[in-house]
Amino acid sequence: MTAKQLDGAQLAILANRFEGVSSKMGNTLLRTGRSGVLNRAKDFSCCILTADCDLLAVAESLPIHVLSGPDIMARSMKEFHPDLKKGDAFLHNSPYHGCSHPADHTIIMPVIDDDGVHHFTVLAKAHQADIGNSIPTTYHGTARDVYEEGALIFPAVQVLKDYETVEDIVRMCQLRIRVPEQWHGDFLAMLGSALIGERELLALGKEVGWDTLHAFTGQWFEYSEKRMADAIGDIPEGKASAQSTHDAIPDTPDEGIKVTSRVSVDPAAGRIEVDLLDNADQMNCGLNVSESCTRTAAYIGVFNSIDHTVPKNAGSLRRIELKLKDAGVVGIPRHPISCSASTTNLADRITSATQRAMAELGDGFGMGEVGCFCPPSTAVVSGNDPRSGKPYVNQLFLGHTAGAGAPHQDAWMTMLHVGNGGMCFIDSVELDEVYTPIHVHTRRLITDSEGAGRFRGAPGIEVEYGPVGCQMEAGFVHDGNIHVPQGARGGLASARSNQFKRIRNGELETLDQCTIAWIEDGETLVSIAQGGGGYGDPRSRDPERVLKDVREGLISRERAENIYAVVIADDLSVDAARTAELRN
């Protein structure tokens, strides 16, 4: 029987209908999530997969959550539960079975019609500030294995049967997680999000017919694959490599953790290969990158280097071949090694190395390196709130610019880290102070901290805050004190990061990059977070852009002259004659 053929208008309409379902799922999480991570920072993602576990629609999701991983998670659901029923749902956070890292609690739900046919799978993923770890953070950088990490691991464990909650799992979590009411609220929000997705897809199937929807998925993947092949066809043929280095933390090499990405582009065939085999074995720390995040980070580096309108789904991903190291620190880590900080630190280094390698192929491709995660301004903070007498745990998103210079535009200054892709919200100072017993003293962009370039990286950001009327623990895994984000094609590196505790007499004490810091009432945390590397020779930057940066306080007149070769007059205008002299 010949498959139904849809025209371009039908493909566009149905693509938007599926995206709309994913968006409804995300809006449910935003509106009903109990933790600040969800309802203020928007650290969650929703997507739709086919019954064959192919990624179909992601809407406004975090790239690190969805490009790869949902497919592996869905396959593990089918492997562990071969007899799926309508009304089933599963809790999944195992980095050994496709999840990004244990903190990303995920609800997976098969969409099954009244005849028992499995048509699609919906997935709602929500980052948690606490999941029962041995210390009050879900970024346990120094954990030697998953046992020391202490996370509760759920490899596609059933939590909904015939639409009824399996309370055994809920009780287990409530007795282990430090803020059980907050977690339970987020859990119910995830369930609600998945149920919304199921409801909408069942309604869509009845409206247009399942045969039409399945015809759409096949043709949409074919269209997306062609778009990807065409985009790769615009890249110069060749091979290139780049390296990005994470600062050392305990139980890692003194020189840091080097991440090497080798890229091969065959424009005639419309294919890209990213080879990550030349990297270290997995390490006794929490920085090991899960398979899903390794794959996704490499994909992000490629997508950052091509036409941004190419759809992101299983079809376009067919054109990217990855080579991963088994039991590698970036690759496919094996249980029981910890992947606690899998979504951020080394994952960002994979993307940075990949997109810098892409830049080596020709001007107009690739990007600089993004700023390093996870500074104290995004720490997981915890303690007892003196206003209520109750414990609190939450991750703050007070500021991290991080964006890298691109071939045709300056960096985003709303970017948290590369795997986030600018989707998370930056916290409102006032709301953080309402919900958490802290006071934010400073949040400012740092002058002359950007990665200079024809298109500059974002400036760094300084945030200072501390507890009010109580003691506070703050957990973070910072990077970039030593190995700063590099530029591409002559672009310069960003300024260094740092982290301090300001004691009561005003003096600054340097803190370890990876630690749980105790901050007393009257003390503060000072976070110096990076922007990103620049793209292209700074002396080729449009003088009017330089002038705008000076007027906005992003760079000084001295830096404009010394780095960009642009002379700014006393009346804050470009001195064209002296600028021409400097540049010739």
Protein backbone atom coordinates (compact mmCIF):
# COMPACT_ATOMS: atom_id res chain seq x y z
CA MET A 1 0.00 0.00 0.00
CA THR A 2 1.40 3.38 -1.02
CA ALA A 3 1.99 5.77 1.87
CA LYS A 4 -0.10 8.89 1.91
CA GLN A 5 1.72 11.89 0.41
CA LEU A 6 1.30 15.28 2.05
CA ASP A 7 1.94 18.60 0.35
CA GLY A 8 4.15 21.38 1.74
CA ALA A 9 1.27 23.22 3.37
CA GLN A 10 0.11 20.09 5.18
CA LEU A 11 3.66 19.38 6.39
CA ALA A 12 4.02 22.93 7.73
CA ILE A 13 0.65 22.84 9.49
CA LEU A 14 1.28 19.49 11.17
CA ALA A 15 4.82 20.46 12.15
CA ASN A 16 3.37 23.45 13.95
CA ARG A 17 0.63 21.34 15.52
CA PHE A 18 3.23 19.01 17.04
CA GLU A 19 5.34 21.96 18.18
CA GLY A 20 2.18 23.40 19.72
CA VAL A 21 1.61 20.24 21.74
CA SER A 22 5.19 20.37 23.02
CA SER A 23 4.71 24.05 23.89
CA LYS A 24 1.56 23.27 25.87
CA MET A 25 3.51 20.69 27.82
CA GLY A 26 6.21 23.25 28.59
CA ASN A 27 3.68 25.88 29.63
CA THR A 28 2.17 23.38 32.04
CA LEU A 29 5.55 22.88 33.70
CA LEU A 30 6.18 26.62 33.89
CA ARG A 31 2.78 27.37 35.42
CA THR A 32 2.57 24.45 37.86
CA GLY A 33 6.19 23.68 38.84
CA ARG A 34 6.80 24.36 42.51
CA SER A 35 10.55 25.00 42.56
CA GLY A 36 12.24 28.18 41.42
CA VAL A 37 14.28 26.07 39.01
CA LEU A 38 11.06 25.53 37.04
CA ASN A 39 8.74 28.46 37.67
CA ARG A 40 11.40 31.19 37.63
CA ALA A 41 14.44 29.84 35.75
CA LYS A 42 12.56 27.61 33.26
CA ASP A 43 15.13 24.80 33.49
CA PHE A 44 12.98 22.15 31.83
CA SER A 45 12.24 20.65 28.43
CA CYS A 46 9.45 18.78 26.68
CA CYS A 47 9.51 16.76 23.50
CA ILE A 48 7.60 14.26 21.38
CA LEU A 49 9.04 11.07 19.91
CA THR A 50 7.64 8.51 17.51
CA ALA A 51 6.74 5.06 18.79
CA ASP A 52 10.06 3.97 17.23
CA CYS A 53 11.87 6.41 19.58
CA ASP A 54 12.81 9.00 16.95
CA LEU A 55 12.91 12.64 18.10
CA LEU A 56 10.08 14.55 16.40
CA ALA A 57 9.27 17.89 18.10
CA VAL A 58 10.99 19.88 20.87
CA ALA A 59 9.43 23.37 20.90
CA GLU A 60 11.34 25.76 23.20
CA SER A 61 13.46 23.20 25.01
CA LEU A 62 17.01 23.24 26.33
CA PRO A 63 19.25 21.66 23.67
CA ILE A 64 21.23 19.60 26.20
CA HIS A 65 17.98 17.98 27.35
CA VAL A 66 16.52 16.83 24.07
CA LEU A 67 18.75 16.55 20.98
CA SER A 68 19.96 13.15 22.12
CA GLY A 69 18.87 11.18 25.15
CA PRO A 70 15.09 11.11 24.83
CA ASP A 71 15.54 8.51 22.08
CA ILE A 72 17.74 6.34 24.32
CA MET A 73 15.40 6.83 27.29
CA ALA A 74 12.37 5.84 25.23
CA ARG A 75 14.15 2.69 24.05
CA SER A 76 14.99 1.78 27.65
CA MET A 77 11.33 2.27 28.59
CA LYS A 78 10.30 -0.20 25.87
CA GLU A 79 13.07 -2.64 26.83
CA PHE A 80 12.22 -2.66 30.54
CA HIS A 81 8.45 -2.54 29.99
CA PRO A 82 7.67 -4.42 26.77
CA ASP A 83 3.93 -4.61 27.50
CA LEU A 84 3.05 -0.90 27.58
CA LYS A 85 -0.53 0.04 28.42
CA LYS A 86 -2.59 3.19 28.10
CA GLY A 87 -2.24 5.20 31.30
CA ASP A 88 1.36 4.10 31.98
CA ALA A 89 4.09 6.61 32.81
CA PHE A 90 7.68 6.19 33.99
CA LEU A 91 10.19 8.17 36.05
CA HIS A 92 13.63 8.22 34.43
CA ASN A 93 16.86 9.92 35.45
CA SER A 94 19.52 7.26 34.82
CA PRO A 95 22.54 8.67 32.92
CA TYR A 96 23.44 5.06 32.09
CA HIS A 97 20.18 4.61 30.18
CA GLY A 98 19.92 7.87 28.27
CA CYS A 99 19.16 10.64 30.76
CA SER A 100 21.29 13.79 30.68
CA HIS A 101 22.22 13.60 34.39
CA PRO A 102 20.51 12.36 37.55
CA ALA A 103 19.19 15.81 38.49
CA ASP A 104 17.00 15.89 35.37
CA HIS A 105 13.97 13.97 36.57
CA THR A 106 11.93 12.92 33.57
CA ILE A 107 8.45 11.56 33.02
CA ILE A 108 8.08 9.38 29.92
CA MET A 109 4.62 8.40 28.74
CA PRO A 110 3.56 6.31 25.75
CA VAL A 111 0.63 7.70 23.76
CA ILE A 112 -1.61 4.68 23.22
CA ASP A 113 -5.05 4.80 21.60
CA ASP A 114 -8.20 2.96 22.68
CA ASP A 115 -7.21 0.00 20.49
CA GLY A 116 -3.93 -0.41 22.37
CA VAL A 117 -1.72 0.93 19.55
CA HIS A 118 1.38 2.86 20.64
CA HIS A 119 1.67 5.88 18.30
CA PHE A 120 3.98 8.39 20.02
CA THR A 121 5.88 8.97 23.26
CA VAL A 122 5.87 12.24 25.23
CA LEU A 123 8.65 13.31 27.57
CA ALA A 124 8.73 16.02 30.26
CA LYS A 125 12.12 16.72 31.85
CA ALA A 126 12.61 19.02 34.85
CA HIS A 127 15.89 19.83 36.58
CA GLN A 128 15.85 19.40 40.37
CA ALA A 129 17.94 21.24 42.95
CA ASP A 130 17.91 18.19 45.23
CA ILE A 131 17.43 14.51 44.39
CA GLY A 132 18.76 12.94 47.57
CA ASN A 133 22.45 13.57 46.96
CA SER A 134 24.93 13.09 49.78
CA ILE A 135 25.52 16.86 49.79
CA PRO A 136 22.88 19.56 49.13
CA THR A 137 23.51 20.06 45.43
CA THR A 138 22.85 18.20 42.21
CA TYR A 139 26.28 19.22 40.84
CA HIS A 140 28.55 16.96 42.93
CA GLY A 141 31.78 17.57 41.07
CA THR A 142 34.04 15.59 43.41
CA ALA A 143 31.86 12.47 43.70
CA ARG A 144 34.12 9.48 42.99
CA ASP A 145 31.16 7.33 41.91
CA VAL A 146 27.36 7.30 41.92
CA TYR A 147 27.36 5.90 45.47
CA GLU A 148 29.28 8.86 46.84
CA GLU A 149 27.08 11.12 44.72
CA GLY A 150 24.13 9.62 46.57
CA ALA A 151 21.49 10.29 43.94
CA LEU A 152 18.38 8.17 43.72
CA ILE A 153 18.55 6.60 40.24
CA PHE A 154 15.36 5.61 38.41
CA PRO A 155 15.93 3.71 35.13
CA ALA A 156 12.44 4.06 33.64
CA VAL A 157 10.61 3.10 36.85
CA GLN A 158 6.82 2.98 36.60
CA VAL A 159 5.08 5.79 38.49
CA LEU A 160 1.68 5.77 36.76
CA LYS A 161 -0.42 2.66 36.07
CA ASP A 162 -3.88 2.97 34.57
CA TYR A 163 -3.54 6.71 35.37
CA GLU A 164 -3.03 5.97 39.09
CA THR A 165 0.18 7.06 40.83
CA VAL A 166 2.49 4.37 42.19
CA GLU A 167 2.81 5.81 45.67
CA ASP A 168 5.71 3.54 46.66
CA ILE A 169 8.04 5.62 44.49
CA VAL A 170 6.64 8.88 45.83
CA ARG A 171 7.20 7.78 49.44
CA MET A 172 10.73 6.68 48.62
CA CYS A 173 11.57 10.11 47.22
CA GLN A 174 9.84 12.02 50.00
CA LEU A 175 11.93 10.23 52.64
CA ARG A 176 15.22 10.88 50.84
CA ILE A 177 14.88 14.34 49.29
CA ARG A 178 15.53 17.34 51.57
CA VAL A 179 12.55 19.37 50.37
CA PRO A 180 9.89 16.70 49.75
CA GLU A 181 6.99 19.09 49.22
CA GLN A 182 8.92 21.03 46.59
CA TRP A 183 9.99 17.85 44.78
CA HIS A 184 6.47 16.41 44.92
CA GLY A 185 5.06 19.58 43.43
CA ASP A 186 7.53 19.36 40.55
CA PHE A 187 6.75 15.65 40.14
CA LEU A 188 3.04 16.38 39.81
CA ALA A 189 3.84 19.17 37.36
CA MET A 190 5.81 16.72 35.20
CA LEU A 191 2.98 14.21 35.31
CA GLY A 192 0.52 16.95 34.36
CA SER A 193 2.75 18.03 31.49
CA ALA A 194 2.96 14.47 30.12
CA LEU A 195 -0.80 14.00 30.48
CA ILE A 196 -1.41 17.23 28.57
CA GLY A 197 0.82 15.93 25.79
CA GLU A 198 -0.97 12.60 25.70
CA ARG A 199 -4.40 14.27 25.64
CA GLU A 200 -3.47 16.63 22.82
CA LEU A 201 -1.89 13.93 20.65
CA LEU A 202 -4.85 11.57 21.11
CA ALA A 203 -7.15 14.41 20.08
CA LEU A 204 -4.95 15.21 17.07
CA GLY A 205 -4.98 11.57 16.00
CA LYS A 206 -8.77 11.49 16.10
CA GLU A 207 -8.97 14.79 14.24
CA VAL A 208 -6.69 14.09 11.26
CA GLY A 209 -6.22 10.31 11.45
CA TRP A 210 -3.27 8.26 12.66
CA ASP A 211 -2.31 7.31 9.10
CA THR A 212 -1.91 11.00 8.27
CA LEU A 213 0.24 11.63 11.34
CA HIS A 214 2.51 8.69 10.59
CA ALA A 215 2.83 9.77 6.96
CA PHE A 216 3.78 13.21 8.25
CA THR A 217 6.55 11.93 10.52
CA GLY A 218 8.26 10.04 7.72
CA GLN A 219 8.07 12.92 5.27
CA TRP A 220 9.07 15.49 7.89
CA PHE A 221 12.20 13.51 8.69
CA GLU A 222 13.01 13.29 4.96
CA TYR A 223 12.53 17.05 4.57
CA SER A 224 14.68 17.79 7.64
CA GLU A 225 17.42 15.47 6.41
CA LYS A 226 17.49 17.22 3.03
CA ARG A 227 17.66 20.64 4.73
CA MET A 228 20.60 19.39 6.80
CA ALA A 229 22.39 17.97 3.76
CA ASP A 230 21.93 21.27 1.93
CA ALA A 231 23.31 23.24 4.89
CA ILE A 232 26.36 20.97 5.12
CA GLY A 233 26.84 21.43 1.40
CA ASP A 234 27.61 25.11 2.04
CA ILE A 235 30.56 24.28 4.34
CA PRO A 236 34.05 23.95 2.84
CA GLU A 237 35.28 20.40 2.52
CA GLY A 238 37.97 19.43 4.95
CA LYS A 239 39.10 18.20 8.34
CA ALA A 240 39.91 20.25 11.43
CA SER A 241 40.38 19.77 15.14
CA ALA A 242 40.31 21.91 18.24
CA GLN A 243 40.87 21.43 21.94
CA SER A 244 39.18 22.94 24.96
CA THR A 245 40.48 22.41 28.49
CA HIS A 246 38.53 22.31 31.77
CA ASP A 247 40.32 23.47 34.90
CA ALA A 248 41.58 20.74 37.22
CA ILE A 249 39.49 19.66 40.20
CA PRO A 250 40.35 16.92 42.75
CA ASP A 251 41.11 13.53 41.17
CA THR A 252 41.67 15.00 37.71
CA PRO A 253 45.00 15.74 35.92
CA ASP A 254 46.92 18.76 37.19
CA GLU A 255 46.91 20.25 33.69
CA GLY A 256 43.11 20.03 33.54
CA ILE A 257 40.81 17.85 31.46
CA LYS A 258 41.50 18.26 27.74
CA VAL A 259 38.63 17.74 25.31
CA THR A 260 39.55 17.21 21.66
CA SER A 261 37.03 17.31 18.83
CA ARG A 262 37.97 16.29 15.27
CA VAL A 263 35.55 17.36 12.57
CA SER A 264 35.34 16.05 8.99
CA VAL A 265 33.00 17.67 6.47
CA ASP A 266 31.98 16.10 3.16
CA PRO A 267 29.77 18.74 1.52
CA ALA A 268 29.17 16.67 -1.61
CA ALA A 269 27.70 13.85 0.46
CA GLY A 270 26.06 16.28 2.90
CA ARG A 271 27.63 14.60 5.92
CA ILE A 272 29.62 15.66 9.00
CA GLU A 273 31.65 13.43 11.28
CA VAL A 274 32.59 14.46 14.82
CA ASP A 275 35.28 12.23 16.32
CA LEU A 276 35.62 12.34 20.13
CA LEU A 277 37.71 9.17 20.49
CA ASP A 278 40.96 10.99 21.32
CA ASN A 279 39.97 11.82 24.88
CA ALA A 280 40.67 10.58 28.40
CA ASP A 281 39.09 7.62 30.13
CA GLN A 282 36.29 8.25 32.61
CA MET A 283 37.50 9.78 35.86
CA ASN A 284 36.71 9.41 39.55
CA CYS A 285 34.75 12.64 39.73
CA GLY A 286 31.31 13.99 38.86
CA LEU A 287 32.34 15.68 35.59
CA ASN A 288 31.97 12.59 33.37
CA VAL A 289 29.60 13.35 30.53
CA SER A 290 26.72 10.95 29.93
CA GLU A 291 26.27 9.45 26.47
CA SER A 292 23.23 11.62 25.83
CA CYS A 293 25.07 14.83 26.75
CA THR A 294 28.20 13.83 24.83
CA ARG A 295 26.11 13.30 21.71
CA THR A 296 24.05 16.43 22.27
CA ALA A 297 27.05 18.66 22.97
CA ALA A 298 28.64 17.58 19.68
CA TYR A 299 25.34 18.14 17.85
CA ILE A 300 25.09 21.64 19.35
CA GLY A 301 28.57 22.48 18.06
CA VAL A 302 27.45 21.49 14.56
CA PHE A 303 24.08 23.26 14.71
CA ASN A 304 25.80 26.41 16.00
CA SER A 305 27.87 26.36 12.79
CA ILE A 306 25.17 26.03 10.13
CA ASP A 307 21.91 27.60 8.99
CA HIS A 308 19.87 28.02 12.17
CA THR A 309 16.57 27.30 10.40
CA VAL A 310 17.40 23.61 9.87
CA PRO A 311 14.86 21.58 11.91
CA LYS A 312 16.28 19.76 14.91
CA ASN A 313 14.95 16.21 14.84
CA ALA A 314 15.87 12.61 14.02
CA GLY A 315 15.88 13.42 10.30
CA SER A 316 18.53 16.14 10.42
CA LEU A 317 20.59 14.14 12.93
CA ARG A 318 20.98 11.34 10.37
CA ARG A 319 23.57 13.51 8.63
CA ILE A 320 25.88 13.72 11.65
CA GLU A 321 28.08 10.75 12.50
CA LEU A 322 29.60 10.63 15.98
CA LYS A 323 32.54 8.55 17.18
CA LEU A 324 32.46 8.12 20.94
CA LYS A 325 34.86 6.46 23.35
CA ASP A 326 33.52 3.66 25.50
CA ALA A 327 34.12 4.39 29.20
CA GLY A 328 35.40 7.87 28.30
CA VAL A 329 35.18 11.03 30.37
CA VAL A 330 33.41 12.38 27.28
CA GLY A 331 31.84 9.44 25.49
CA ILE A 332 29.89 6.57 27.04
CA PRO A 333 30.66 6.42 30.77
CA ARG A 334 29.85 3.19 32.56
CA HIS A 335 28.13 2.56 35.88
CA PRO A 336 28.97 3.28 38.68
CA ILE A 337 31.01 6.33 37.59
CA SER A 338 29.36 9.65 38.47
CA CYS A 339 27.83 11.92 35.81
CA SER A 340 26.55 14.48 38.31
CA ALA A 341 27.65 17.63 36.38
CA SER A 342 27.18 16.03 32.97
CA THR A 343 25.01 18.75 31.41
CA THR A 344 27.35 21.68 31.91
CA ASN A 345 31.10 21.78 32.47
CA LEU A 346 32.71 19.24 30.15
CA ALA A 347 29.67 19.21 27.88
CA ASP A 348 30.31 22.90 27.20
CA ARG A 349 33.93 22.04 26.41
CA ILE A 350 32.78 19.46 23.82
CA THR A 351 30.63 22.05 22.08
CA SER A 352 33.31 24.73 22.28
CA ALA A 353 35.94 22.44 20.75
CA THR A 354 33.53 21.32 18.03
CA GLN A 355 32.45 24.79 16.94
CA ARG A 356 36.03 26.10 17.06
CA ALA A 357 37.03 23.19 14.83
CA MET A 358 34.22 24.15 12.46
CA ALA A 359 35.61 27.71 12.42
CA GLU A 360 38.96 26.37 11.21
CA LEU A 361 37.28 25.22 7.98
CA GLY A 362 36.59 28.76 6.82
CA ASP A 363 35.53 32.27 7.77
CA GLY A 364 31.78 32.41 8.27
CA PHE A 365 31.54 29.09 10.08
CA GLY A 366 31.80 27.95 13.69
CA MET A 367 31.99 30.13 16.82
CA GLY A 368 34.30 31.03 19.68
CA GLU A 369 34.20 29.21 23.00
CA VAL A 370 31.38 29.86 25.43
CA GLY A 371 31.93 30.99 29.00
CA CYS A 372 32.54 28.41 31.70
CA PHE A 373 29.95 27.02 34.08
CA CYS A 374 28.97 26.64 37.06
CA PRO A 375 29.82 29.84 39.02
CA PRO A 376 28.53 30.80 42.47
CA SER A 377 25.93 33.03 40.79
CA THR A 378 24.23 29.78 39.72
CA ALA A 379 24.96 27.84 42.91
CA VAL A 380 22.58 25.45 44.61
CA VAL A 381 21.89 27.15 47.95
CA SER A 382 20.39 25.53 51.02
CA GLY A 383 19.78 26.00 54.70
CA ASN A 384 16.94 26.76 57.09
CA ASP A 385 14.80 29.79 56.33
CA PRO A 386 14.47 31.82 59.58
CA ARG A 387 11.22 33.31 58.31
CA SER A 388 9.45 29.94 58.23
CA GLY A 389 11.75 27.62 60.18
CA LYS A 390 11.69 25.23 57.20
CA PRO A 391 14.58 23.92 55.12
CA TYR A 392 15.09 25.20 51.59
CA VAL A 393 17.12 23.99 48.60
CA ASN A 394 17.11 25.77 45.27
CA GLN A 395 19.43 26.54 42.40
CA LEU A 396 19.88 30.24 41.72
CA PHE A 397 20.14 31.67 38.21
CA LEU A 398 21.35 35.13 39.17
CA GLY A 399 23.59 35.72 36.20
CA HIS A 400 25.90 34.15 33.67
CA THR A 401 26.34 35.73 30.23
CA ALA A 402 28.59 33.11 28.58
CA GLY A 403 27.81 33.75 24.91
CA ALA A 404 30.50 33.39 22.22
CA GLY A 405 31.13 35.57 19.19
CA ALA A 406 29.66 34.23 15.94
CA PRO A 407 30.56 34.83 12.27
CA HIS A 408 27.87 37.45 11.73
CA GLN A 409 26.80 38.75 15.14
CA ASP A 410 27.91 39.50 18.67
CA ALA A 411 27.30 37.03 21.46
CA TRP A 412 24.07 36.63 23.34
CA MET A 413 24.22 38.08 26.82
CA THR A 414 21.22 36.08 28.02
CA MET A 415 22.95 32.74 27.60
CA LEU A 416 23.50 30.62 30.71
CA HIS A 417 25.66 27.92 29.15
CA VAL A 418 25.92 26.39 25.70
CA GLY A 419 23.64 23.44 26.45
CA ASN A 420 21.01 25.82 27.70
CA GLY A 421 21.20 27.85 24.49
CA GLY A 422 19.71 30.96 26.08
CA MET A 423 16.40 29.34 26.97
CA CYS A 424 16.60 29.55 30.77
CA PHE A 425 15.45 32.75 32.39
CA ILE A 426 17.75 34.84 34.55
CA ASP A 427 16.31 35.14 38.05
CA SER A 428 14.58 38.26 39.26
CA VAL A 429 16.61 39.58 42.19
CA GLU A 430 13.43 40.55 44.01
CA LEU A 431 11.80 37.13 43.60
CA ASP A 432 14.93 35.30 44.76
CA GLU A 433 14.98 37.51 47.86
CA VAL A 434 11.28 36.78 48.49
CA TYR A 435 11.58 33.00 48.18
CA THR A 436 15.08 32.54 49.59
CA PRO A 437 16.63 34.20 52.69
CA ILE A 438 19.31 36.05 50.73
CA HIS A 439 20.16 39.62 49.80
CA VAL A 440 21.71 40.38 46.41
CA HIS A 441 24.22 43.22 46.76
CA THR A 442 25.60 43.40 43.22
CA ARG A 443 24.72 42.25 39.72
CA ARG A 444 26.71 44.03 37.00
CA LEU A 445 28.41 43.44 33.68
CA ILE A 446 32.21 43.69 33.91
CA THR A 447 33.86 46.28 31.67
CA ASP A 448 36.69 45.04 29.38
CA SER A 449 35.99 41.38 30.09
CA GLU A 450 34.62 40.34 26.70
CA GLY A 451 36.36 38.13 24.19
CA ALA A 452 37.33 40.76 21.64
CA GLY A 453 36.73 40.10 17.97
CA ARG A 454 35.16 41.27 14.74
CA PHE A 455 32.11 40.01 16.57
CA ARG A 456 32.75 40.02 20.29
CA GLY A 457 31.97 37.49 22.94
CA ALA A 458 29.73 38.52 25.83
CA PRO A 459 31.23 40.40 28.79
CA GLY A 460 31.56 38.68 32.12
CA ILE A 461 29.22 39.34 35.01
CA GLU A 462 29.80 39.93 38.73
CA VAL A 463 27.20 38.87 41.28
CA GLU A 464 27.50 39.26 45.05
CA TYR A 465 24.93 37.91 47.50
CA GLY A 466 24.67 36.44 50.97
CA PRO A 467 22.25 35.00 53.54
CA VAL A 468 20.00 37.07 55.73
CA GLY A 469 19.54 36.04 59.36
CA CYS A 470 20.92 32.54 58.84
CA GLN A 471 23.75 30.37 57.62
CA MET A 472 23.77 29.21 53.99
CA GLU A 473 25.47 26.39 52.08
CA ALA A 474 26.30 27.07 48.43
CA GLY A 475 27.46 24.34 46.07
CA PHE A 476 29.12 25.08 42.73
CA VAL A 477 31.57 23.54 40.24
CA HIS A 478 33.28 26.53 38.64
CA ASP A 479 35.59 26.49 35.63
CA GLY A 480 37.65 29.04 33.72
CA ASN A 481 39.92 30.35 36.47
CA ILE A 482 42.87 29.05 34.43
CA HIS A 483 41.64 27.81 31.06
CA VAL A 484 39.60 30.68 29.69
CA PRO A 485 37.19 30.56 26.72
CA GLN A 486 39.18 31.00 23.52
CA GLY A 487 38.22 32.95 20.43
CA ALA A 488 38.01 31.72 16.84
CA ARG A 489 39.66 32.96 13.64
CA GLY A 490 41.74 35.61 15.40
CA GLY A 491 39.18 36.43 18.07
CA LEU A 492 40.54 36.84 21.60
CA ALA A 493 39.79 35.01 24.81
CA SER A 494 37.51 36.31 27.54
CA ALA A 495 38.69 37.42 30.97
CA ARG A 496 39.19 34.87 33.74
CA SER A 497 36.53 33.75 36.17
CA ASN A 498 36.90 33.61 39.95
CA GLN A 499 35.01 33.04 43.16
CA PHE A 500 35.40 34.58 46.62
CA LYS A 501 33.88 34.81 50.06
CA ARG A 502 33.71 38.30 51.52
CA ILE A 503 34.08 37.99 55.28
CA ARG A 504 32.62 40.43 57.76
CA ASN A 505 35.62 42.79 57.73
CA GLY A 506 35.27 43.20 53.97
CA GLU A 507 38.29 41.10 52.97
CA LEU A 508 37.99 38.61 50.13
CA GLU A 509 38.95 34.97 50.59
CA THR A 510 39.47 32.95 47.42
CA LEU A 511 37.33 29.81 47.36
CA ASP A 512 38.01 26.48 45.71
CA GLN A 513 36.41 26.18 42.28
CA CYS A 514 34.55 23.01 43.22
CA THR A 515 33.16 23.15 46.72
CA ILE A 516 30.33 23.53 49.18
CA ALA A 517 30.89 26.94 50.73
CA TRP A 518 29.54 27.87 54.15
CA ILE A 519 28.42 31.49 54.24
CA GLU A 520 27.53 33.06 57.58
CA ASP A 521 25.08 35.89 58.16
CA GLY A 522 26.96 39.07 57.31
CA GLU A 523 29.21 37.32 54.76
CA THR A 524 28.71 37.19 51.00
CA LEU A 525 29.61 35.12 47.97
CA VAL A 526 31.30 36.98 45.10
CA SER A 527 30.97 35.36 41.70
CA ILE A 528 33.02 36.43 38.68
CA ALA A 529 31.52 34.59 35.72
CA GLN A 530 32.79 34.73 32.18
CA GLY A 531 31.44 35.78 28.89
CA GLY A 532 32.79 34.08 25.78
CA GLY A 533 35.52 34.20 23.16
CA GLY A 534 35.39 36.52 20.16
CA TYR A 535 35.21 35.73 16.45
CA GLY A 536 37.58 37.31 13.94
CA ASP A 537 40.29 39.96 14.23
CA PRO A 538 39.20 42.70 16.69
CA ARG A 539 40.86 45.32 14.46
CA SER A 540 38.32 44.49 11.75
CA ARG A 541 35.35 45.27 13.99
CA ASP A 542 33.01 48.00 12.74
CA PRO A 543 34.09 51.19 14.57
CA GLU A 544 30.44 52.09 15.16
CA ARG A 545 29.97 48.83 17.05
CA VAL A 546 33.03 49.64 19.14
CA LEU A 547 31.64 53.10 19.84
CA LYS A 548 28.34 51.62 20.97
CA ASP A 549 30.15 49.27 23.37
CA VAL A 550 32.09 52.21 24.84
CA ARG A 551 28.94 54.29 25.29
CA GLU A 552 27.24 51.36 27.03
CA GLY A 553 30.19 50.80 29.35
CA LEU A 554 31.02 47.34 28.01
CA ILE A 555 34.53 48.39 27.05
CA SER A 556 36.74 51.35 27.97
CA ARG A 557 38.13 53.95 25.59
CA GLU A 558 41.59 52.55 26.29
CA ARG A 559 40.56 49.02 25.27
CA ALA A 560 38.84 50.39 22.18
CA GLU A 561 42.12 51.93 21.09
CA ASN A 562 44.56 49.24 22.22
CA ILE A 563 42.61 46.14 21.17
CA TYR A 564 40.18 47.27 18.48
CA ALA A 565 42.31 50.11 17.01
CA VAL A 566 39.38 52.50 17.30
CA VAL A 567 40.00 55.97 18.74
CA ILE A 568 37.08 57.45 20.67
CA ALA A 569 37.08 61.21 21.00
CA ASP A 570 36.19 63.10 24.20
CA ASP A 571 32.68 63.75 22.88
CA LEU A 572 32.19 59.96 22.54
CA SER A 573 32.39 59.87 18.77
CA VAL A 574 34.73 57.89 16.53
CA ASP A 575 37.88 59.82 15.56
CA ALA A 576 37.88 58.53 11.99
CA ALA A 577 41.28 59.95 11.01
CA ARG A 578 43.21 58.56 13.98
CA THR A 579 41.35 55.23 13.69
CA ALA A 580 42.38 54.93 10.05
CA GLU A 581 46.00 55.64 11.03
CA LEU A 582 45.94 52.88 13.66
CA ARG A 583 44.39 50.36 11.31
CA ASN A 584 46.71 50.98 8.38
